Amino acid sequence: MKRLAKIQRAIKAPKDQKGYGFVYRKASDILQAVKPLLEEDNLTILLNDTIQEIGGKYFLHAEAGIFDENGKQI
């Protein structure tokens, strides 16, 4: 967990997107910022998106996992 906390402190992903009265950051901006930090600690991020139907409505279910060099999820 120390490695993950270090990355969380170091990541710089400013909110520079604007729309609908909000200022936000895109997932791609976050990934671009975090990938070099993960590489420094031999970590990998894996993303998985699926569509799920709940009560007749469809939702995007997104998951992200961070794994160490041995394939262990942290």
N, C-alpha and C. Protein backbone atom coordinates (compact mmCIF):
# COMPACT_ATOMS: atom_id res chain seq x y z
N MET A 1 0.81 -1.20 0.00
CA MET A 1 0.00 0.00 0.00
C MET A 1 0.86 1.26 0.00
N LYS A 2 2.08 1.15 0.48
CA LYS A 2 2.95 2.32 0.49
C LYS A 2 3.25 2.79 -0.93
N ARG A 3 3.40 1.84 -1.84
CA ARG A 3 3.68 2.19 -3.24
C ARG A 3 2.51 2.93 -3.86
N LEU A 4 1.32 2.46 -3.57
CA LEU A 4 0.12 3.11 -4.10
C LEU A 4 -0.07 4.50 -3.50
N ALA A 5 0.17 4.64 -2.21
CA ALA A 5 0.05 5.95 -1.55
C ALA A 5 1.06 6.94 -2.13
N LYS A 6 2.27 6.46 -2.43
CA LYS A 6 3.30 7.31 -3.03
C LYS A 6 2.83 7.84 -4.39
N ILE A 7 2.23 6.97 -5.18
CA ILE A 7 1.74 7.37 -6.50
C ILE A 7 0.59 8.36 -6.36
N GLN A 8 -0.30 8.13 -5.43
CA GLN A 8 -1.43 9.04 -5.22
C GLN A 8 -0.95 10.44 -4.83
N ARG A 9 0.12 10.51 -4.05
CA ARG A 9 0.66 11.81 -3.66
C ARG A 9 1.34 12.51 -4.84
N ALA A 10 1.94 11.74 -5.74
CA ALA A 10 2.73 12.30 -6.82
C ALA A 10 1.93 12.65 -8.07
N ILE A 11 0.77 12.05 -8.25
CA ILE A 11 0.03 12.24 -9.51
C ILE A 11 -0.44 13.68 -9.67
N LYS A 12 -0.28 14.17 -10.88
CA LYS A 12 -0.72 15.52 -11.24
C LYS A 12 -1.62 15.39 -12.47
N ALA A 13 -2.91 15.54 -12.26
CA ALA A 13 -3.89 15.49 -13.35
C ALA A 13 -4.88 16.62 -13.13
N PRO A 14 -4.56 17.81 -13.64
CA PRO A 14 -5.41 18.97 -13.38
C PRO A 14 -6.78 18.85 -14.04
N LYS A 15 -7.74 19.50 -13.43
CA LYS A 15 -9.08 19.58 -14.00
C LYS A 15 -9.06 20.69 -15.04
N ASP A 16 -8.90 20.31 -16.31
CA ASP A 16 -8.83 21.33 -17.36
C ASP A 16 -9.89 21.15 -18.44
N GLN A 17 -10.84 20.27 -18.20
CA GLN A 17 -11.96 20.08 -19.12
C GLN A 17 -13.16 20.87 -18.59
N LYS A 18 -13.92 21.46 -19.51
CA LYS A 18 -15.08 22.24 -19.08
C LYS A 18 -16.30 21.81 -19.88
N GLY A 19 -17.44 21.76 -19.21
CA GLY A 19 -18.68 21.43 -19.89
C GLY A 19 -19.83 21.36 -18.92
N TYR A 20 -20.99 21.80 -19.37
CA TYR A 20 -22.22 21.74 -18.58
C TYR A 20 -22.08 22.40 -17.21
N GLY A 21 -21.26 23.43 -17.14
CA GLY A 21 -21.08 24.16 -15.89
C GLY A 21 -20.12 23.50 -14.92
N PHE A 22 -19.39 22.47 -15.36
CA PHE A 22 -18.45 21.77 -14.49
C PHE A 22 -17.04 21.88 -15.05
N VAL A 23 -16.08 21.79 -14.17
CA VAL A 23 -14.68 21.66 -14.55
C VAL A 23 -14.26 20.27 -14.08
N TYR A 24 -13.66 19.48 -14.97
CA TYR A 24 -13.38 18.09 -14.63
C TYR A 24 -12.12 17.60 -15.36
N ARG A 25 -11.70 16.39 -15.01
CA ARG A 25 -10.59 15.75 -15.71
C ARG A 25 -11.12 14.47 -16.34
N LYS A 26 -10.58 14.11 -17.49
CA LYS A 26 -10.98 12.90 -18.18
C LYS A 26 -10.16 11.71 -17.68
N ALA A 27 -10.73 10.52 -17.81
CA ALA A 27 -10.01 9.31 -17.41
C ALA A 27 -8.70 9.19 -18.19
N SER A 28 -8.71 9.57 -19.47
CA SER A 28 -7.48 9.47 -20.26
C SER A 28 -6.40 10.41 -19.73
N ASP A 29 -6.80 11.57 -19.18
CA ASP A 29 -5.83 12.48 -18.57
C ASP A 29 -5.21 11.86 -17.33
N ILE A 30 -6.03 11.20 -16.53
CA ILE A 30 -5.53 10.54 -15.33
C ILE A 30 -4.58 9.41 -15.70
N LEU A 31 -4.96 8.59 -16.68
CA LEU A 31 -4.10 7.49 -17.10
C LEU A 31 -2.76 7.99 -17.64
N GLN A 32 -2.79 9.04 -18.42
CA GLN A 32 -1.55 9.60 -18.96
C GLN A 32 -0.63 10.06 -17.84
N ALA A 33 -1.19 10.61 -16.77
CA ALA A 33 -0.39 11.08 -15.65
C ALA A 33 0.12 9.94 -14.77
N VAL A 34 -0.67 8.87 -14.63
CA VAL A 34 -0.31 7.82 -13.68
C VAL A 34 0.62 6.76 -14.27
N LYS A 35 0.58 6.54 -15.56
CA LYS A 35 1.39 5.47 -16.15
C LYS A 35 2.89 5.60 -15.88
N PRO A 36 3.50 6.78 -16.04
CA PRO A 36 4.94 6.87 -15.72
C PRO A 36 5.23 6.60 -14.24
N LEU A 37 4.32 6.99 -13.37
CA LEU A 37 4.51 6.75 -11.93
C LEU A 37 4.41 5.25 -11.61
N LEU A 38 3.50 4.57 -12.27
CA LEU A 38 3.38 3.12 -12.08
C LEU A 38 4.64 2.41 -12.57
N GLU A 39 5.14 2.86 -13.70
CA GLU A 39 6.33 2.23 -14.28
C GLU A 39 7.54 2.35 -13.34
N GLU A 40 7.67 3.48 -12.66
CA GLU A 40 8.77 3.67 -11.71
C GLU A 40 8.78 2.60 -10.63
N ASP A 41 7.61 2.12 -10.23
CA ASP A 41 7.49 1.12 -9.16
C ASP A 41 7.15 -0.27 -9.69
N ASN A 42 7.34 -0.50 -11.00
CA ASN A 42 7.06 -1.80 -11.61
C ASN A 42 5.62 -2.25 -11.36
N LEU A 43 4.69 -1.33 -11.52
CA LEU A 43 3.28 -1.64 -11.35
C LEU A 43 2.57 -1.48 -12.69
N THR A 44 1.44 -2.17 -12.83
CA THR A 44 0.65 -2.13 -14.05
C THR A 44 -0.80 -1.88 -13.69
N ILE A 45 -1.50 -1.11 -14.53
CA ILE A 45 -2.93 -0.90 -14.32
C ILE A 45 -3.67 -1.63 -15.44
N LEU A 46 -4.70 -2.37 -15.06
CA LEU A 46 -5.55 -3.05 -16.03
C LEU A 46 -6.97 -2.51 -15.88
N LEU A 47 -7.59 -2.20 -17.02
CA LEU A 47 -8.94 -1.64 -17.03
C LEU A 47 -9.89 -2.63 -17.68
N ASN A 48 -11.12 -2.66 -17.18
CA ASN A 48 -12.13 -3.54 -17.73
C ASN A 48 -13.48 -2.83 -17.68
N ASP A 49 -14.11 -2.69 -18.83
CA ASP A 49 -15.44 -2.07 -18.92
C ASP A 49 -16.44 -3.09 -19.43
N THR A 50 -17.61 -3.13 -18.81
CA THR A 50 -18.69 -3.98 -19.28
C THR A 50 -20.00 -3.20 -19.20
N ILE A 51 -20.93 -3.60 -20.03
CA ILE A 51 -22.27 -3.03 -20.01
C ILE A 51 -23.15 -3.97 -19.19
N GLN A 52 -23.88 -3.40 -18.22
CA GLN A 52 -24.77 -4.19 -17.38
C GLN A 52 -26.18 -3.63 -17.46
N GLU A 53 -27.14 -4.54 -17.52
CA GLU A 53 -28.54 -4.14 -17.49
C GLU A 53 -29.05 -4.29 -16.06
N ILE A 54 -29.62 -3.24 -15.55
CA ILE A 54 -30.20 -3.26 -14.20
C ILE A 54 -31.56 -2.59 -14.29
N GLY A 55 -32.60 -3.35 -14.03
CA GLY A 55 -33.95 -2.80 -14.05
C GLY A 55 -34.36 -2.23 -15.39
N GLY A 56 -33.91 -2.86 -16.47
CA GLY A 56 -34.27 -2.40 -17.80
C GLY A 56 -33.45 -1.22 -18.30
N LYS A 57 -32.48 -0.77 -17.53
CA LYS A 57 -31.59 0.32 -17.96
C LYS A 57 -30.18 -0.22 -18.07
N TYR A 58 -29.41 0.38 -18.95
CA TYR A 58 -28.04 -0.08 -19.18
C TYR A 58 -27.04 0.88 -18.55
N PHE A 59 -26.03 0.28 -17.93
CA PHE A 59 -25.01 1.05 -17.24
C PHE A 59 -23.64 0.54 -17.65
N LEU A 60 -22.68 1.45 -17.66
CA LEU A 60 -21.29 1.08 -17.89
C LEU A 60 -20.67 0.77 -16.54
N HIS A 61 -20.15 -0.43 -16.39
CA HIS A 61 -19.46 -0.85 -15.17
C HIS A 61 -17.97 -0.84 -15.49
N ALA A 62 -17.22 0.04 -14.84
CA ALA A 62 -15.79 0.17 -15.11
C ALA A 62 -15.00 -0.25 -13.87
N GLU A 63 -13.97 -1.05 -14.09
CA GLU A 63 -13.10 -1.50 -13.01
C GLU A 63 -11.66 -1.20 -13.39
N ALA A 64 -10.86 -0.86 -12.40
CA ALA A 64 -9.42 -0.68 -12.58
C ALA A 64 -8.70 -1.44 -11.49
N GLY A 65 -7.66 -2.15 -11.87
CA GLY A 65 -6.85 -2.88 -10.90
C GLY A 65 -5.39 -2.53 -11.10
N ILE A 66 -4.66 -2.45 -10.00
CA ILE A 66 -3.22 -2.20 -10.06
C ILE A 66 -2.52 -3.46 -9.57
N PHE A 67 -1.53 -3.90 -10.36
CA PHE A 67 -0.86 -5.16 -10.09
C PHE A 67 0.65 -4.93 -9.97
N ASP A 68 1.28 -5.71 -9.08
CA ASP A 68 2.73 -5.61 -8.93
C ASP A 68 3.42 -6.49 -9.96
N GLU A 69 4.74 -6.53 -9.90
CA GLU A 69 5.52 -7.26 -10.88
C GLU A 69 5.29 -8.78 -10.83
N ASN A 70 4.70 -9.27 -9.75
CA ASN A 70 4.39 -10.70 -9.62
C ASN A 70 2.95 -11.03 -10.01
N GLY A 71 2.21 -10.02 -10.48
CA GLY A 71 0.83 -10.25 -10.87
C GLY A 71 -0.15 -10.18 -9.72
N LYS A 72 0.33 -9.79 -8.54
CA LYS A 72 -0.54 -9.69 -7.38
C LYS A 72 -1.26 -8.33 -7.39
N GLN A 73 -2.59 -8.37 -7.26
CA GLN A 73 -3.34 -7.12 -7.25
C GLN A 73 -3.14 -6.40 -5.93
N ILE A 74 -2.87 -5.10 -6.04
CA ILE A 74 -2.71 -4.32 -4.82
C ILE A 74 -3.82 -3.28 -4.76
